[in-house]
Amino acid sequence: MSFKEWWKSKPYWLKGALFGLILCVIFGILLFVVNIILSSEDTTAFLTPLIVPFIPTLFLLEIMGVINVGIISDMVLMFIISLVEYSAIGALIGWIVGKIKSKKK
């Protein structure tokens, strides 16, 4: 079974969840790498676009009083919660797309 056949056999909600998960991982890796490379310089201009996907999670964790942005373990917690959050958002969007496409058939 090729990847294309495998992908077509999956429901839309799963495709959306995988897309959200992959997108979050890409942004997380870029944020981590750029932060390491530019750690001694002013990184605000480069990090701002990469932080945008994590703002809802940061906001939620700060309201709960769980996160201290300077601590690495809290940043890992933020990344894990973001993975779940964006997978859920992707699954919801994929589910809606699947419902719309099934009504057209």
C-alpha atoms as a PDB file:
ATOM      1  CA  MET A   1       0.000   0.000   0.000  1.00  0.00           C
ATOM      2  CA  SER A   2       1.501   3.323  -1.061  1.00  0.00           C
ATOM      3  CA  PHE A   3       1.413   6.453   1.061  1.00  0.00           C
ATOM      4  CA  LYS A   4      -1.164   8.035  -1.241  1.00  0.00           C
ATOM      5  CA  GLU A   5      -3.536   5.062  -0.867  1.00  0.00           C
ATOM      6  CA  TRP A   6      -2.947   4.977   2.878  1.00  0.00           C
ATOM      7  CA  TRP A   7      -3.636   8.705   3.179  1.00  0.00           C
ATOM      8  CA  LYS A   8      -6.863   8.504   1.135  1.00  0.00           C
ATOM      9  CA  SER A   9      -8.169   5.688   3.328  1.00  0.00           C
ATOM     10  CA  LYS A  10      -7.962   7.798   6.499  1.00  0.00           C
ATOM     11  CA  PRO A  11     -10.913   9.868   7.781  1.00  0.00           C
ATOM     12  CA  TYR A  12     -10.720  13.650   7.531  1.00  0.00           C
ATOM     13  CA  TRP A  13     -10.567  14.163  11.292  1.00  0.00           C
ATOM     14  CA  LEU A  14      -7.421  12.015  11.488  1.00  0.00           C
ATOM     15  CA  LYS A  15      -5.844  13.874   8.570  1.00  0.00           C
ATOM     16  CA  GLY A  16      -6.591  17.158  10.327  1.00  0.00           C
ATOM     17  CA  ALA A  17      -5.150  15.917  13.613  1.00  0.00           C
ATOM     18  CA  LEU A  18      -1.957  14.773  11.888  1.00  0.00           C
ATOM     19  CA  PHE A  19      -1.681  18.082  10.041  1.00  0.00           C
ATOM     20  CA  GLY A  20      -2.097  20.045  13.301  1.00  0.00           C
ATOM     21  CA  LEU A  21       0.442  17.835  15.054  1.00  0.00           C
ATOM     22  CA  ILE A  22       3.014  18.206  12.277  1.00  0.00           C
ATOM     23  CA  LEU A  23       2.490  21.963  12.093  1.00  0.00           C
ATOM     24  CA  CYS A  24       3.023  22.316  15.841  1.00  0.00           C
ATOM     25  CA  VAL A  25       6.174  20.172  15.737  1.00  0.00           C
ATOM     26  CA  ILE A  26       7.607  22.250  12.881  1.00  0.00           C
ATOM     27  CA  PHE A  27       6.967  25.523  14.726  1.00  0.00           C
ATOM     28  CA  GLY A  28       8.360  24.063  17.961  1.00  0.00           C
ATOM     29  CA  ILE A  29      11.562  22.866  16.301  1.00  0.00           C
ATOM     30  CA  LEU A  30      12.024  26.177  14.490  1.00  0.00           C
ATOM     31  CA  LEU A  31      11.481  28.080  17.737  1.00  0.00           C
ATOM     32  CA  PHE A  32      13.993  25.898  19.570  1.00  0.00           C
ATOM     33  CA  VAL A  33      16.650  26.082  16.826  1.00  0.00           C
ATOM     34  CA  VAL A  34      16.334  29.834  16.283  1.00  0.00           C
ATOM     35  CA  ASN A  35      16.482  30.399  20.031  1.00  0.00           C
ATOM     36  CA  ILE A  36      19.699  28.369  20.310  1.00  0.00           C
ATOM     37  CA  ILE A  37      21.357  29.943  17.265  1.00  0.00           C
ATOM     38  CA  LEU A  38      20.500  33.506  18.237  1.00  0.00           C
ATOM     39  CA  SER A  39      20.701  33.123  22.020  1.00  0.00           C
ATOM     40  CA  SER A  40      23.298  35.850  22.459  1.00  0.00           C
ATOM     41  CA  GLU A  41      21.625  38.392  20.171  1.00  0.00           C
ATOM     42  CA  ASP A  42      18.317  40.223  20.267  1.00  0.00           C
ATOM     43  CA  THR A  43      15.945  37.500  19.056  1.00  0.00           C
ATOM     44  CA  THR A  44      12.640  39.333  19.345  1.00  0.00           C
ATOM     45  CA  ALA A  45      12.288  39.973  15.617  1.00  0.00           C
ATOM     46  CA  PHE A  46      12.901  36.326  14.738  1.00  0.00           C
ATOM     47  CA  LEU A  47      11.055  34.634  17.595  1.00  0.00           C
ATOM     48  CA  THR A  48       7.810  36.601  17.467  1.00  0.00           C
ATOM     49  CA  PRO A  49       6.377  34.829  14.367  1.00  0.00           C
ATOM     50  CA  LEU A  50       7.405  31.453  15.792  1.00  0.00           C
ATOM     51  CA  ILE A  51       5.774  32.084  19.180  1.00  0.00           C
ATOM     52  CA  VAL A  52       2.372  33.000  17.698  1.00  0.00           C
ATOM     53  CA  PRO A  53       1.103  29.372  17.496  1.00  0.00           C
ATOM     54  CA  PHE A  54       1.920  28.875  21.190  1.00  0.00           C
ATOM     55  CA  ILE A  55       0.191  32.027  22.489  1.00  0.00           C
ATOM     56  CA  PRO A  56      -3.143  30.309  23.340  1.00  0.00           C
ATOM     57  CA  THR A  57      -1.302  27.675  25.370  1.00  0.00           C
ATOM     58  CA  LEU A  58       0.858  30.283  27.110  1.00  0.00           C
ATOM     59  CA  PHE A  59      -2.230  32.303  27.960  1.00  0.00           C
ATOM     60  CA  LEU A  60      -4.027  29.258  29.370  1.00  0.00           C
ATOM     61  CA  LEU A  61      -1.052  28.129  31.459  1.00  0.00           C
ATOM     62  CA  GLU A  62      -0.403  31.608  32.829  1.00  0.00           C
ATOM     63  CA  ILE A  63      -4.052  31.990  33.875  1.00  0.00           C
ATOM     64  CA  MET A  64      -3.759  28.674  35.691  1.00  0.00           C
ATOM     65  CA  GLY A  65      -0.491  29.835  37.288  1.00  0.00           C
ATOM     66  CA  VAL A  66       1.336  26.755  36.062  1.00  0.00           C
ATOM     67  CA  ILE A  67       4.045  28.217  33.858  1.00  0.00           C
ATOM     68  CA  ASN A  68       7.193  30.213  34.384  1.00  0.00           C
ATOM     69  CA  VAL A  69       8.400  30.959  30.858  1.00  0.00           C
ATOM     70  CA  GLY A  70      12.068  30.920  31.851  1.00  0.00           C
ATOM     71  CA  ILE A  71      12.131  27.318  33.071  1.00  0.00           C
ATOM     72  CA  ILE A  72      12.877  24.621  30.473  1.00  0.00           C
ATOM     73  CA  SER A  73      10.518  22.025  31.993  1.00  0.00           C
ATOM     74  CA  ASP A  74       7.668  24.538  31.703  1.00  0.00           C
ATOM     75  CA  MET A  75       8.547  25.153  28.069  1.00  0.00           C
ATOM     76  CA  VAL A  76       8.416  21.396  27.428  1.00  0.00           C
ATOM     77  CA  LEU A  77       5.024  21.290  29.177  1.00  0.00           C
ATOM     78  CA  MET A  78       3.848  24.153  26.956  1.00  0.00           C
ATOM     79  CA  PHE A  79       5.020  22.268  23.842  1.00  0.00           C
ATOM     80  CA  ILE A  80       3.276  19.025  24.857  1.00  0.00           C
ATOM     81  CA  ILE A  81       0.021  20.836  25.609  1.00  0.00           C
ATOM     82  CA  SER A  82       0.331  22.677  22.287  1.00  0.00           C
ATOM     83  CA  LEU A  83       0.701  19.337  20.488  1.00  0.00           C
ATOM     84  CA  VAL A  84      -2.542  18.103  22.012  1.00  0.00           C
ATOM     85  CA  GLU A  85      -4.254  21.443  21.421  1.00  0.00           C
ATOM     86  CA  TYR A  86      -3.340  21.709  17.744  1.00  0.00           C
ATOM     87  CA  SER A  87      -4.112  18.040  17.106  1.00  0.00           C
ATOM     88  CA  ALA A  88      -7.575  18.612  18.585  1.00  0.00           C
ATOM     89  CA  ILE A  89      -8.093  21.765  16.514  1.00  0.00           C
ATOM     90  CA  GLY A  90      -6.953  19.941  13.376  1.00  0.00           C
ATOM     91  CA  ALA A  91      -9.236  17.002  14.144  1.00  0.00           C
ATOM     92  CA  LEU A  92     -12.201  19.347  14.630  1.00  0.00           C
ATOM     93  CA  ILE A  93     -11.517  21.136  11.351  1.00  0.00           C
ATOM     94  CA  GLY A  94     -11.032  17.790   9.570  1.00  0.00           C
ATOM     95  CA  TRP A  95     -14.290  16.474  11.041  1.00  0.00           C
ATOM     96  CA  ILE A  96     -16.164  19.557   9.788  1.00  0.00           C
ATOM     97  CA  VAL A  97     -14.604  19.181   6.328  1.00  0.00           C
ATOM     98  CA  GLY A  98     -15.586  15.494   6.293  1.00  0.00           C
ATOM     99  CA  LYS A  99     -19.183  16.362   7.197  1.00  0.00           C
ATOM    100  CA  ILE A 100     -19.383  18.986   4.455  1.00  0.00           C
ATOM    101  CA  LYS A 101     -17.879  16.669   1.839  1.00  0.00           C
ATOM    102  CA  SER A 102     -20.168  13.782   2.808  1.00  0.00           C
ATOM    103  CA  LYS A 103     -23.248  15.985   2.309  1.00  0.00           C
ATOM    104  CA  LYS A 104     -22.097  16.906  -1.207  1.00  0.00           C
ATOM    105  CA  LYS A 105     -21.984  13.269  -2.294  1.00  0.00           C
END
